[in-house]
Amino acid sequence: MNNINMKIININGEVVLAAADSELLNKELREGKLHLNVKPEFYGEMKVSEETFISSLRICTIANLVGERVINAAINANYIDPDNIIKINGVPHAQLAKII
C-alpha cells in the first residue's frame, strides 16, 4: 500500500529526503514551542510504499521524517534510534544526517 508521501531533492551535494505519513499532509502540529507544518510542497505529493521509502533512506544524506508509519519503518531498518525521536501533539518526528 502506498501510504507514505516523500520527496527527494539535491541541494549543494546533499541528497535530502522528506517523508510523512500520507494522512498527515496539510496538517499543522503544535505543542509548546514546537511547530511543524506538514506541507506537500516540502514532504512531496508522490505516494510510495514502505519499501520505496526504505530504499530512499539508503541513498539520502539528510532526512526529515514525520508520522508513526515513517518513523517505525526507519527504526525497523536501523536508520533512526528510538531515543532520538520527538513528539509534537503525539506525532513522532525525527531527523537524520549521515556523515560520509
PDB file of N, CA and C in Angstrom:
ATOM      1  N   MET A   1       0.845  -1.177   0.000  1.00  0.00           N
ATOM      2  CA  MET A   1       0.000   0.000   0.000  1.00  0.00           C
ATOM      3  C   MET A   1       0.890   1.240   0.000  1.00  0.00           C
ATOM      4  N   ASN A   2       0.590   2.205  -0.847  1.00  0.00           N
ATOM      5  CA  ASN A   2       1.356   3.444  -0.926  1.00  0.00           C
ATOM      6  C   ASN A   2       0.730   4.498  -0.015  1.00  0.00           C
ATOM      7  N   ASN A   3       1.217   4.559   1.215  1.00  0.00           N
ATOM      8  CA  ASN A   3       0.636   5.490   2.177  1.00  0.00           C
ATOM      9  C   ASN A   3       1.693   6.359   2.855  1.00  0.00           C
ATOM     10  N   ILE A   4       2.806   6.560   2.148  1.00  0.00           N
ATOM     11  CA  ILE A   4       3.866   7.458   2.598  1.00  0.00           C
ATOM     12  C   ILE A   4       4.084   8.473   1.485  1.00  0.00           C
ATOM     13  N   ASN A   5       4.089   9.742   1.841  1.00  0.00           N
ATOM     14  CA  ASN A   5       4.429  10.778   0.880  1.00  0.00           C
ATOM     15  C   ASN A   5       5.892  11.134   1.065  1.00  0.00           C
ATOM     16  N   MET A   6       6.604  11.315  -0.043  1.00  0.00           N
ATOM     17  CA  MET A   6       8.009  11.672   0.085  1.00  0.00           C
ATOM     18  C   MET A   6       8.484  12.489  -1.091  1.00  0.00           C
ATOM     19  N   LYS A   7       9.611  13.133  -0.857  1.00  0.00           N
ATOM     20  CA  LYS A   7      10.234  13.959  -1.874  1.00  0.00           C
ATOM     21  C   LYS A   7      11.743  13.878  -1.657  1.00  0.00           C
ATOM     22  N   ILE A   8      12.480  13.788  -2.750  1.00  0.00           N
ATOM     23  CA  ILE A   8      13.942  13.792  -2.694  1.00  0.00           C
ATOM     24  C   ILE A   8      14.433  14.966  -3.527  1.00  0.00           C
ATOM     25  N   ILE A   9      15.323  15.753  -2.933  1.00  0.00           N
ATOM     26  CA  ILE A   9      15.935  16.847  -3.680  1.00  0.00           C
ATOM     27  C   ILE A   9      17.437  16.859  -3.418  1.00  0.00           C
ATOM     28  N   ASN A  10      18.179  17.360  -4.374  1.00  0.00           N
ATOM     29  CA  ASN A  10      19.628  17.523  -4.232  1.00  0.00           C
ATOM     30  C   ASN A  10      19.914  18.991  -3.968  1.00  0.00           C
ATOM     31  N   ILE A  11      20.617  19.249  -2.870  1.00  0.00           N
ATOM     32  CA  ILE A  11      20.978  20.609  -2.502  1.00  0.00           C
ATOM     33  C   ILE A  11      22.450  20.627  -2.102  1.00  0.00           C
ATOM     34  N   ASN A  12      23.254  21.359  -2.843  1.00  0.00           N
ATOM     35  CA  ASN A  12      24.674  21.530  -2.509  1.00  0.00           C
ATOM     36  C   ASN A  12      25.374  20.203  -2.222  1.00  0.00           C
ATOM     37  N   GLY A  13      25.129  19.205  -3.034  1.00  0.00           N
ATOM     38  CA  GLY A  13      25.783  17.913  -2.875  1.00  0.00           C
ATOM     39  C   GLY A  13      25.129  16.991  -1.863  1.00  0.00           C
ATOM     40  N   GLU A  14      24.083  17.450  -1.208  1.00  0.00           N
ATOM     41  CA  GLU A  14      23.353  16.620  -0.253  1.00  0.00           C
ATOM     42  C   GLU A  14      22.107  16.048  -0.932  1.00  0.00           C
ATOM     43  N   VAL A  15      21.754  14.824  -0.564  1.00  0.00           N
ATOM     44  CA  VAL A  15      20.514  14.206  -1.028  1.00  0.00           C
ATOM     45  C   VAL A  15      19.540  14.267   0.146  1.00  0.00           C
ATOM     46  N   VAL A  16      18.546  15.137   0.032  1.00  0.00           N
ATOM     47  CA  VAL A  16      17.619  15.401   1.132  1.00  0.00           C
ATOM     48  C   VAL A  16      16.302  14.665   0.866  1.00  0.00           C
ATOM     49  N   LEU A  17      15.909  13.859   1.834  1.00  0.00           N
ATOM     50  CA  LEU A  17      14.654  13.116   1.780  1.00  0.00           C
ATOM     51  C   LEU A  17      13.704  13.679   2.831  1.00  0.00           C
ATOM     52  N   ALA A  18      12.506  14.029   2.405  1.00  0.00           N
ATOM     53  CA  ALA A  18      11.446  14.417   3.334  1.00  0.00           C
ATOM     54  C   ALA A  18      10.335  13.393   3.162  1.00  0.00           C
ATOM     55  N   ALA A  19       9.852  12.832   4.267  1.00  0.00           N
ATOM     56  CA  ALA A  19       8.798  11.806   4.181  1.00  0.00           C
ATOM     57  C   ALA A  19       7.836  11.948   5.344  1.00  0.00           C
ATOM     58  N   ALA A  20       6.557  11.708   5.045  1.00  0.00           N
ATOM     59  CA  ALA A  20       5.500  11.815   6.054  1.00  0.00           C
ATOM     60  C   ALA A  20       4.418  10.784   5.773  1.00  0.00           C
ATOM     61  N   ASP A  21       3.760  10.339   6.832  1.00  0.00           N
ATOM     62  CA  ASP A  21       2.574   9.513   6.658  1.00  0.00           C
ATOM     63  C   ASP A  21       1.568  10.339   5.845  1.00  0.00           C
ATOM     64  N   SER A  22       0.976   9.729   4.835  1.00  0.00           N
ATOM     65  CA  SER A  22       0.101  10.457   3.908  1.00  0.00           C
ATOM     66  C   SER A  22      -1.030  11.214   4.600  1.00  0.00           C
ATOM     67  N   GLU A  23      -1.606  10.628   5.647  1.00  0.00           N
ATOM     68  CA  GLU A  23      -2.747  11.277   6.304  1.00  0.00           C
ATOM     69  C   GLU A  23      -2.355  12.541   7.072  1.00  0.00           C
ATOM     70  N   LEU A  24      -1.053  12.792   7.239  1.00  0.00           N
ATOM     71  CA  LEU A  24      -0.594  13.989   7.948  1.00  0.00           C
ATOM     72  C   LEU A  24      -0.418  15.194   7.034  1.00  0.00           C
ATOM     73  N   LEU A  25      -0.445  14.983   5.714  1.00  0.00           N
ATOM     74  CA  LEU A  25      -0.262  16.094   4.796  1.00  0.00           C
ATOM     75  C   LEU A  25      -1.308  17.179   5.040  1.00  0.00           C
ATOM     76  N   ASN A  26      -0.848  18.407   4.977  1.00  0.00           N
ATOM     77  CA  ASN A  26      -1.675  19.606   5.197  1.00  0.00           C
ATOM     78  C   ASN A  26      -2.126  19.780   6.643  1.00  0.00           C
ATOM     79  N   LYS A  27      -1.491  19.072   7.565  1.00  0.00           N
ATOM     80  CA  LYS A  27      -1.804  19.252   8.988  1.00  0.00           C
ATOM     81  C   LYS A  27      -0.743  20.152   9.610  1.00  0.00           C
ATOM     82  N   GLU A  28      -1.155  20.846  10.645  1.00  0.00           N
ATOM     83  CA  GLU A  28      -0.255  21.698  11.410  1.00  0.00           C
ATOM     84  C   GLU A  28      -0.152  21.114  12.811  1.00  0.00           C
ATOM     85  N   LEU A  29       1.062  20.796  13.229  1.00  0.00           N
ATOM     86  CA  LEU A  29       1.298  20.225  14.551  1.00  0.00           C
ATOM     87  C   LEU A  29       1.922  21.293  15.444  1.00  0.00           C
ATOM     88  N   ARG A  30       1.351  21.468  16.623  1.00  0.00           N
ATOM     89  CA  ARG A  30       1.869  22.448  17.592  1.00  0.00           C
ATOM     90  C   ARG A  30       1.846  21.837  18.987  1.00  0.00           C
ATOM     91  N   GLU A  31       2.931  22.080  19.692  1.00  0.00           N
ATOM     92  CA  GLU A  31       2.989  21.680  21.096  1.00  0.00           C
ATOM     93  C   GLU A  31       4.061  22.541  21.760  1.00  0.00           C
ATOM     94  N   GLY A  32       3.634  23.416  22.633  1.00  0.00           N
ATOM     95  CA  GLY A  32       4.572  24.331  23.271  1.00  0.00           C
ATOM     96  C   GLY A  32       5.270  25.171  22.216  1.00  0.00           C
ATOM     97  N   LYS A  33       6.605  25.170  22.244  1.00  0.00           N
ATOM     98  CA  LYS A  33       7.388  25.943  21.276  1.00  0.00           C
ATOM     99  C   LYS A  33       7.605  25.195  19.961  1.00  0.00           C
ATOM    100  N   LEU A  34       7.180  23.940  19.909  1.00  0.00           N
ATOM    101  CA  LEU A  34       7.361  23.143  18.699  1.00  0.00           C
ATOM    102  C   LEU A  34       6.212  23.382  17.725  1.00  0.00           C
ATOM    103  N   HIS A  35       6.579  23.548  16.469  1.00  0.00           N
ATOM    104  CA  HIS A  35       5.590  23.823  15.431  1.00  0.00           C
ATOM    105  C   HIS A  35       6.064  23.172  14.135  1.00  0.00           C
ATOM    106  N   LEU A  36       5.203  22.393  13.508  1.00  0.00           N
ATOM    107  CA  LEU A  36       5.561  21.721  12.265  1.00  0.00           C
ATOM    108  C   LEU A  36       4.362  21.728  11.319  1.00  0.00           C
ATOM    109  N   ASN A  37       4.551  22.303  10.140  1.00  0.00           N
ATOM    110  CA  ASN A  37       3.552  22.259   9.077  1.00  0.00           C
ATOM    111  C   ASN A  37       3.938  21.126   8.137  1.00  0.00           C
ATOM    112  N   VAL A  38       3.068  20.179   7.953  1.00  0.00           N
ATOM    113  CA  VAL A  38       3.341  19.041   7.081  1.00  0.00           C
ATOM    114  C   VAL A  38       2.786  19.394   5.695  1.00  0.00           C
ATOM    115  N   LYS A  39       3.563  20.179   4.979  1.00  0.00           N
ATOM    116  CA  LYS A  39       3.128  20.698   3.681  1.00  0.00           C
ATOM    117  C   LYS A  39       3.571  19.780   2.552  1.00  0.00           C
ATOM    118  N   PRO A  40       2.694  19.566   1.576  1.00  0.00           N
ATOM    119  CA  PRO A  40       3.070  18.725   0.434  1.00  0.00           C
ATOM    120  C   PRO A  40       4.217  19.338  -0.380  1.00  0.00           C
ATOM    121  N   GLU A  41       4.372  20.657  -0.336  1.00  0.00           N
ATOM    122  CA  GLU A  41       5.478  21.296  -1.050  1.00  0.00           C
ATOM    123  C   GLU A  41       6.823  20.806  -0.522  1.00  0.00           C
ATOM    124  N   PHE A  42       6.885  20.507   0.776  1.00  0.00           N
ATOM    125  CA  PHE A  42       8.133  20.030   1.377  1.00  0.00           C
ATOM    126  C   PHE A  42       8.202  18.507   1.408  1.00  0.00           C
ATOM    127  N   TYR A  43       7.141  17.860   1.882  1.00  0.00           N
ATOM    128  CA  TYR A  43       7.143  16.411   2.067  1.00  0.00           C
ATOM    129  C   TYR A  43       6.792  15.644   0.798  1.00  0.00           C
ATOM    130  N   GLY A  44       6.344  16.334  -0.223  1.00  0.00           N
ATOM    131  CA  GLY A  44       6.105  15.691  -1.503  1.00  0.00           C
ATOM    132  C   GLY A  44       4.671  15.249  -1.712  1.00  0.00           C
ATOM    133  N   GLU A  45       4.324  15.146  -2.974  1.00  0.00           N
ATOM    134  CA  GLU A  45       2.990  14.692  -3.345  1.00  0.00           C
ATOM    135  C   GLU A  45       3.018  13.268  -3.892  1.00  0.00           C
ATOM    136  N   MET A  46       4.227  12.703  -4.026  1.00  0.00           N
ATOM    137  CA  MET A  46       4.369  11.341  -4.530  1.00  0.00           C
ATOM    138  C   MET A  46       4.119  10.349  -3.394  1.00  0.00           C
ATOM    139  N   LYS A  47       3.143   9.465  -3.589  1.00  0.00           N
ATOM    140  CA  LYS A  47       2.854   8.421  -2.604  1.00  0.00           C
ATOM    141  C   LYS A  47       3.662   7.184  -2.958  1.00  0.00           C
ATOM    142  N   VAL A  48       4.333   6.630  -1.939  1.00  0.00           N
ATOM    143  CA  VAL A  48       5.196   5.473  -2.166  1.00  0.00           C
ATOM    144  C   VAL A  48       4.928   4.394  -1.118  1.00  0.00           C
ATOM    145  N   SER A  49       5.455   3.209  -1.382  1.00  0.00           N
ATOM    146  CA  SER A  49       5.368   2.096  -0.439  1.00  0.00           C
ATOM    147  C   SER A  49       6.469   2.229   0.617  1.00  0.00           C
ATOM    148  N   GLU A  50       6.347   1.456   1.662  1.00  0.00           N
ATOM    149  CA  GLU A  50       7.380   1.427   2.696  1.00  0.00           C
ATOM    150  C   GLU A  50       8.712   0.967   2.100  1.00  0.00           C
ATOM    151  N   GLU A  51       8.680   0.028   1.182  1.00  0.00           N
ATOM    152  CA  GLU A  51       9.908  -0.483   0.562  1.00  0.00           C
ATOM    153  C   GLU A  51      10.627   0.624  -0.214  1.00  0.00           C
ATOM    154  N   THR A  52       9.871   1.412  -0.962  1.00  0.00           N
ATOM    155  CA  THR A  52      10.473   2.525  -1.713  1.00  0.00           C
ATOM    156  C   THR A  52      11.041   3.560  -0.757  1.00  0.00           C
ATOM    157  N   PHE A  53      10.323   3.840   0.313  1.00  0.00           N
ATOM    158  CA  PHE A  53      10.807   4.778   1.325  1.00  0.00           C
ATOM    159  C   PHE A  53      12.135   4.301   1.916  1.00  0.00           C
ATOM    160  N   ILE A  54      12.228   3.031   2.309  1.00  0.00           N
ATOM    161  CA  ILE A  54      13.465   2.491   2.891  1.00  0.00           C
ATOM    162  C   ILE A  54      14.608   2.546   1.874  1.00  0.00           C
ATOM    163  N   SER A  55      14.329   2.230   0.623  1.00  0.00           N
ATOM    164  CA  SER A  55      15.354   2.327  -0.427  1.00  0.00           C
ATOM    165  C   SER A  55      15.869   3.756  -0.548  1.00  0.00           C
ATOM    166  N   SER A  56      14.973   4.712  -0.394  1.00  0.00           N
ATOM    167  CA  SER A  56      15.360   6.113  -0.471  1.00  0.00           C
ATOM    168  C   SER A  56      16.193   6.530   0.738  1.00  0.00           C
ATOM    169  N   LEU A  57      15.907   5.955   1.897  1.00  0.00           N
ATOM    170  CA  LEU A  57      16.735   6.241   3.082  1.00  0.00           C
ATOM    171  C   LEU A  57      18.180   5.791   2.858  1.00  0.00           C
ATOM    172  N   ARG A  58      18.354   4.718   2.102  1.00  0.00           N
ATOM    173  CA  ARG A  58      19.707   4.214   1.835  1.00  0.00           C
ATOM    174  C   ARG A  58      20.549   5.220   1.068  1.00  0.00           C
ATOM    175  N   ILE A  59      19.926   5.987   0.174  1.00  0.00           N
ATOM    176  CA  ILE A  59      20.699   6.891  -0.678  1.00  0.00           C
ATOM    177  C   ILE A  59      20.763   8.328  -0.170  1.00  0.00           C
ATOM    178  N   CYS A  60      19.898   8.693   0.773  1.00  0.00           N
ATOM    179  CA  CYS A  60      19.890  10.083   1.231  1.00  0.00           C
ATOM    180  C   CYS A  60      21.046  10.349   2.201  1.00  0.00           C
ATOM    181  N   THR A  61      21.397  11.631   2.320  1.00  0.00           N
ATOM    182  CA  THR A  61      22.392  12.047   3.316  1.00  0.00           C
ATOM    183  C   THR A  61      21.729  12.803   4.463  1.00  0.00           C
ATOM    184  N   ILE A  62      20.543  13.351   4.198  1.00  0.00           N
ATOM    185  CA  ILE A  62      19.766  14.064   5.215  1.00  0.00           C
ATOM    186  C   ILE A  62      18.312  13.635   5.059  1.00  0.00           C
ATOM    187  N   ALA A  63      17.614  13.426   6.175  1.00  0.00           N
ATOM    188  CA  ALA A  63      16.195  13.070   6.106  1.00  0.00           C
ATOM    189  C   ALA A  63      15.413  13.813   7.186  1.00  0.00           C
ATOM    190  N   ASN A  64      14.201  14.194   6.826  1.00  0.00           N
ATOM    191  CA  ASN A  64      13.262  14.817   7.740  1.00  0.00           C
ATOM    192  C   ASN A  64      12.015  13.944   7.689  1.00  0.00           C
ATOM    193  N   LEU A  65      11.663  13.327   8.818  1.00  0.00           N
ATOM    194  CA  LEU A  65      10.631  12.289   8.849  1.00  0.00           C
ATOM    195  C   LEU A  65       9.555  12.618   9.877  1.00  0.00           C
ATOM    196  N   VAL A  66       8.296  12.363   9.494  1.00  0.00           N
ATOM    197  CA  VAL A  66       7.200  12.621  10.427  1.00  0.00           C
ATOM    198  C   VAL A  66       6.094  11.573  10.247  1.00  0.00           C
ATOM    199  N   GLY A  67       5.595  11.062  11.378  1.00  0.00           N
ATOM    200  CA  GLY A  67       4.488  10.105  11.359  1.00  0.00           C
ATOM    201  C   GLY A  67       4.875   8.735  11.893  1.00  0.00           C
ATOM    202  N   GLU A  68       3.902   8.061  12.462  1.00  0.00           N
ATOM    203  CA  GLU A  68       4.121   6.725  13.053  1.00  0.00           C
ATOM    204  C   GLU A  68       4.676   5.725  12.036  1.00  0.00           C
ATOM    205  N   ARG A  69       4.060   5.657  10.872  1.00  0.00           N
ATOM    206  CA  ARG A  69       4.446   4.674   9.860  1.00  0.00           C
ATOM    207  C   ARG A  69       5.880   4.915   9.385  1.00  0.00           C
ATOM    208  N   VAL A  70       6.179   6.170   9.056  1.00  0.00           N
ATOM    209  CA  VAL A  70       7.503   6.537   8.552  1.00  0.00           C
ATOM    210  C   VAL A  70       8.568   6.283   9.618  1.00  0.00           C
ATOM    211  N   ILE A  71       8.314   6.734  10.824  1.00  0.00           N
ATOM    212  CA  ILE A  71       9.293   6.580  11.907  1.00  0.00           C
ATOM    213  C   ILE A  71       9.494   5.106  12.246  1.00  0.00           C
ATOM    214  N   ASN A  72       8.419   4.336  12.352  1.00  0.00           N
ATOM    215  CA  ASN A  72       8.570   2.906  12.668  1.00  0.00           C
ATOM    216  C   ASN A  72       9.351   2.168  11.590  1.00  0.00           C
ATOM    217  N   ALA A  73       9.110   2.508  10.332  1.00  0.00           N
ATOM    218  CA  ALA A  73       9.863   1.872   9.236  1.00  0.00           C
ATOM    219  C   ALA A  73      11.340   2.231   9.333  1.00  0.00           C
ATOM    220  N   ALA A  74      11.641   3.484   9.644  1.00  0.00           N
ATOM    221  CA  ALA A  74      13.037   3.920   9.776  1.00  0.00           C
ATOM    222  C   ALA A  74      13.719   3.265  10.975  1.00  0.00           C
ATOM    223  N   ILE A  75      12.991   3.074  12.057  1.00  0.00           N
ATOM    224  CA  ILE A  75      13.539   2.382  13.236  1.00  0.00           C
ATOM    225  C   ILE A  75      13.814   0.918  12.891  1.00  0.00           C
ATOM    226  N   ASN A  76      12.845   0.250  12.272  1.00  0.00           N
ATOM    227  CA  ASN A  76      12.996  -1.168  11.936  1.00  0.00           C
ATOM    228  C   ASN A  76      14.130  -1.417  10.943  1.00  0.00           C
ATOM    229  N   ALA A  77      14.443  -0.415  10.137  1.00  0.00           N
ATOM    230  CA  ALA A  77      15.540  -0.538   9.170  1.00  0.00           C
ATOM    231  C   ALA A  77      16.863  -0.020   9.753  1.00  0.00           C
ATOM    232  N   ASN A  78      16.856   0.312  11.047  1.00  0.00           N
ATOM    233  CA  ASN A  78      18.051   0.769  11.773  1.00  0.00           C
ATOM    234  C   ASN A  78      18.617   2.100  11.283  1.00  0.00           C
ATOM    235  N   TYR A  79      17.744   3.004  10.837  1.00  0.00           N
ATOM    236  CA  TYR A  79      18.189   4.339  10.446  1.00  0.00           C
ATOM    237  C   TYR A  79      17.964   5.362  11.546  1.00  0.00           C
ATOM    238  N   ILE A  80      16.983   5.111  12.406  1.00  0.00           N
ATOM    239  CA  ILE A  80      16.638   6.035  13.485  1.00  0.00           C
ATOM    240  C   ILE A  80      16.672   5.278  14.810  1.00  0.00           C
ATOM    241  N   ASP A  81      17.290   5.894  15.806  1.00  0.00           N
ATOM    242  CA  ASP A  81      17.299   5.349  17.169  1.00  0.00           C
ATOM    243  C   ASP A  81      16.043   5.858  17.879  1.00  0.00           C
ATOM    244  N   PRO A  82      15.268   4.972  18.493  1.00  0.00           N
ATOM    245  CA  PRO A  82      14.038   5.413  19.175  1.00  0.00           C
ATOM    246  C   PRO A  82      14.269   6.509  20.219  1.00  0.00           C
ATOM    247  N   ASP A  83      15.472   6.588  20.775  1.00  0.00           N
ATOM    248  CA  ASP A  83      15.768   7.619  21.771  1.00  0.00           C
ATOM    249  C   ASP A  83      15.912   9.012  21.151  1.00  0.00           C
ATOM    250  N   ASN A  84      15.978   9.089  19.816  1.00  0.00           N
ATOM    251  CA  ASN A  84      16.189  10.365  19.140  1.00  0.00           C
ATOM    252  C   ASN A  84      14.939  10.877  18.431  1.00  0.00           C
ATOM    253  N   ILE A  85      13.789  10.478  18.934  1.00  0.00           N
ATOM    254  CA  ILE A  85      12.513  10.887  18.352  1.00  0.00           C
ATOM    255  C   ILE A  85      11.858  11.896  19.290  1.00  0.00           C
ATOM    256  N   ILE A  86      11.296  12.940  18.703  1.00  0.00           N
ATOM    257  CA  ILE A  86      10.472  13.848  19.495  1.00  0.00           C
ATOM    258  C   ILE A  86       9.026  13.657  19.057  1.00  0.00           C
ATOM    259  N   LYS A  87       8.109  14.067  19.888  1.00  0.00           N
ATOM    260  CA  LYS A  87       6.690  14.004  19.522  1.00  0.00           C
ATOM    261  C   LYS A  87       6.120  15.407  19.606  1.00  0.00           C
ATOM    262  N   ILE A  88       5.337  15.737  18.582  1.00  0.00           N
ATOM    263  CA  ILE A  88       4.633  17.003  18.534  1.00  0.00           C
ATOM    264  C   ILE A  88       3.156  16.664  18.420  1.00  0.00           C
ATOM    265  N   ASN A  89       2.399  17.021  19.430  1.00  0.00           N
ATOM    266  CA  ASN A  89       0.978  16.624  19.501  1.00  0.00           C
ATOM    267  C   ASN A  89       0.826  15.114  19.378  1.00  0.00           C
ATOM    268  N   GLY A  90       1.773  14.368  19.920  1.00  0.00           N
ATOM    269  CA  GLY A  90       1.711  12.913  19.884  1.00  0.00           C
ATOM    270  C   GLY A  90       2.202  12.292  18.595  1.00  0.00           C
ATOM    271  N   VAL A  91       2.597  13.100  17.614  1.00  0.00           N
ATOM    272  CA  VAL A  91       3.071  12.595  16.329  1.00  0.00           C
ATOM    273  C   VAL A  91       4.598  12.562  16.345  1.00  0.00           C
ATOM    274  N   PRO A  92       5.208  11.385  16.073  1.00  0.00           N
ATOM    275  CA  PRO A  92       6.666  11.294  16.108  1.00  0.00           C
ATOM    276  C   PRO A  92       7.326  12.035  14.944  1.00  0.00           C
ATOM    277  N   HIS A  93       8.489  12.617  15.253  1.00  0.00           N
ATOM    278  CA  HIS A  93       9.274  13.371  14.266  1.00  0.00           C
ATOM    279  C   HIS A  93      10.747  13.068  14.531  1.00  0.00           C
ATOM    280  N   ALA A  94      11.506  12.869  13.466  1.00  0.00           N
ATOM    281  CA  ALA A  94      12.951  12.631  13.612  1.00  0.00           C
ATOM    282  C   ALA A  94      13.670  13.191  12.399  1.00  0.00           C
ATOM    283  N   GLN A  95      14.933  13.518  12.616  1.00  0.00           N
ATOM    284  CA  GLN A  95      15.791  13.954  11.530  1.00  0.00           C
ATOM    285  C   GLN A  95      17.016  13.054  11.512  1.00  0.00           C
ATOM    286  N   LEU A  96      17.578  12.913  10.317  1.00  0.00           N
ATOM    287  CA  LEU A  96      18.730  12.041  10.114  1.00  0.00           C
ATOM    288  C   LEU A  96      19.765  12.798   9.316  1.00  0.00           C
ATOM    289  N   ALA A  97      21.012  12.708   9.720  1.00  0.00           N
ATOM    290  CA  ALA A  97      22.124  13.255   8.952  1.00  0.00           C
ATOM    291  C   ALA A  97      23.224  12.202   8.947  1.00  0.00           C
ATOM    292  N   LYS A  98      23.630  11.811   7.764  1.00  0.00           N
ATOM    293  CA  LYS A  98      24.689  10.804   7.617  1.00  0.00           C
ATOM    294  C   LYS A  98      26.027  11.511   7.419  1.00  0.00           C
ATOM    295  N   ILE A  99      27.010  11.044   8.135  1.00  0.00           N
ATOM    296  CA  ILE A  99      28.372  11.553   7.960  1.00  0.00           C
ATOM    297  C   ILE A  99      29.108  10.549   7.115  1.00  0.00           C
ATOM    298  N   ILE A 100      29.503  11.000   5.940  1.00  0.00           N
ATOM    299  CA  ILE A 100      30.150  10.076   5.000  1.00  0.00           C
ATOM    300  C   ILE A 100      31.612  10.434   4.849  1.00  0.00           C
TER     301      ILE A 100
END
